[in-house]
Amino acid sequence: METDAELISEKLLSLIEERNLTINRLATLSGLKQSTVNSIFNGASKRPTISTIRKLCQALEISVHEFFDFPPYNEVEK
């Protein structure tokens, strides 16, 4: 199973590709440091904070709910 950091990185990558953005542009739009965004993409940031995720979502014009609406985050554990 992939780690949370890997899942978040993959989701962000797919979102920026869909929007034809670069990592640098996402950092600018979100108001985050380039190094912060890079660390999420390269896996150095193992657990990005919810405030960081929220800023990225605002820049991507999606809700945090929409961001995490993919397996395994939207599956109920039994």
Protein backbone atom coordinates (compact mmCIF):
# COMPACT_ATOMS: atom_id res chain seq x y z
CA MET A 1 0.00 0.00 0.00
CA GLU A 2 1.19 3.47 -0.82
CA THR A 3 1.96 5.96 1.92
CA ASP A 4 -0.13 9.09 2.46
CA ALA A 5 2.76 11.18 1.14
CA GLU A 6 2.84 9.16 -2.10
CA LEU A 7 -0.93 9.34 -2.54
CA ILE A 8 -0.98 13.11 -1.97
CA SER A 9 1.93 13.65 -4.35
CA GLU A 10 0.27 11.56 -7.08
CA LYS A 11 -3.06 13.35 -6.64
CA LEU A 12 -1.39 16.78 -6.85
CA LEU A 13 0.55 15.73 -9.93
CA SER A 14 -2.61 14.61 -11.70
CA LEU A 15 -4.39 17.85 -10.75
CA ILE A 16 -1.61 20.13 -12.01
CA GLU A 17 -1.34 18.12 -15.23
CA GLU A 18 -5.12 18.43 -15.77
CA ARG A 19 -4.82 22.19 -15.33
CA ASN A 20 -1.63 22.53 -17.34
CA LEU A 21 0.21 24.05 -14.36
CA THR A 22 3.77 23.66 -13.13
CA ILE A 23 4.86 22.98 -9.58
CA ASN A 24 6.31 26.50 -9.50
CA ARG A 25 3.00 28.02 -10.62
CA LEU A 26 1.12 26.00 -7.99
CA ALA A 27 3.47 27.33 -5.32
CA THR A 28 2.88 30.90 -6.51
CA LEU A 29 -0.91 30.50 -6.66
CA SER A 30 -1.06 28.88 -3.23
CA GLY A 31 1.25 31.36 -1.53
CA LEU A 32 3.50 28.55 -0.37
CA LYS A 33 7.27 28.45 -0.67
CA GLN A 34 8.60 26.61 -3.69
CA SER A 35 10.62 24.38 -1.36
CA THR A 36 7.46 23.38 0.53
CA VAL A 37 5.65 22.34 -2.63
CA ASN A 38 8.76 20.59 -3.97
CA SER A 39 9.10 18.61 -0.74
CA ILE A 40 5.53 17.34 -1.15
CA PHE A 41 6.19 16.24 -4.73
CA ASN A 42 9.54 14.58 -4.05
CA GLY A 43 8.35 12.78 -0.91
CA ALA A 44 10.49 14.68 1.58
CA SER A 45 7.32 15.94 3.28
CA LYS A 46 5.88 12.79 4.83
CA ARG A 47 2.79 14.46 6.30
CA PRO A 48 1.79 17.79 4.78
CA THR A 49 -0.38 19.77 7.19
CA ILE A 50 -4.04 20.33 6.51
CA SER A 51 -3.38 24.06 6.21
CA THR A 52 -0.86 23.33 3.44
CA ILE A 53 -3.33 21.03 1.70
CA ARG A 54 -6.04 23.70 2.07
CA LYS A 55 -3.83 26.34 0.41
CA LEU A 56 -3.04 23.99 -2.45
CA CYS A 57 -6.73 23.20 -2.88
CA GLN A 58 -7.61 26.90 -2.94
CA ALA A 59 -5.01 27.44 -5.65
CA LEU A 60 -6.46 24.51 -7.61
CA GLU A 61 -10.01 25.81 -7.00
CA ILE A 62 -11.22 22.60 -5.39
CA SER A 63 -12.39 21.74 -1.89
CA VAL A 64 -10.35 19.63 0.50
CA HIS A 65 -13.18 17.11 0.26
CA GLU A 66 -12.76 16.93 -3.52
CA PHE A 67 -9.00 16.54 -3.09
CA PHE A 68 -9.39 13.47 -0.86
CA ASP A 69 -12.28 11.98 -2.83
CA PHE A 70 -10.38 9.00 -4.24
CA PRO A 71 -9.49 5.51 -3.01
CA PRO A 72 -8.36 4.71 -0.37
CA TYR A 73 -9.54 7.94 1.30
CA ASN A 74 -13.18 7.57 0.34
CA GLU A 75 -13.48 3.93 1.31
CA VAL A 76 -15.01 2.79 4.59
CA GLU A 77 -12.86 0.39 6.56
CA LYS A 78 -14.68 -2.66 7.87
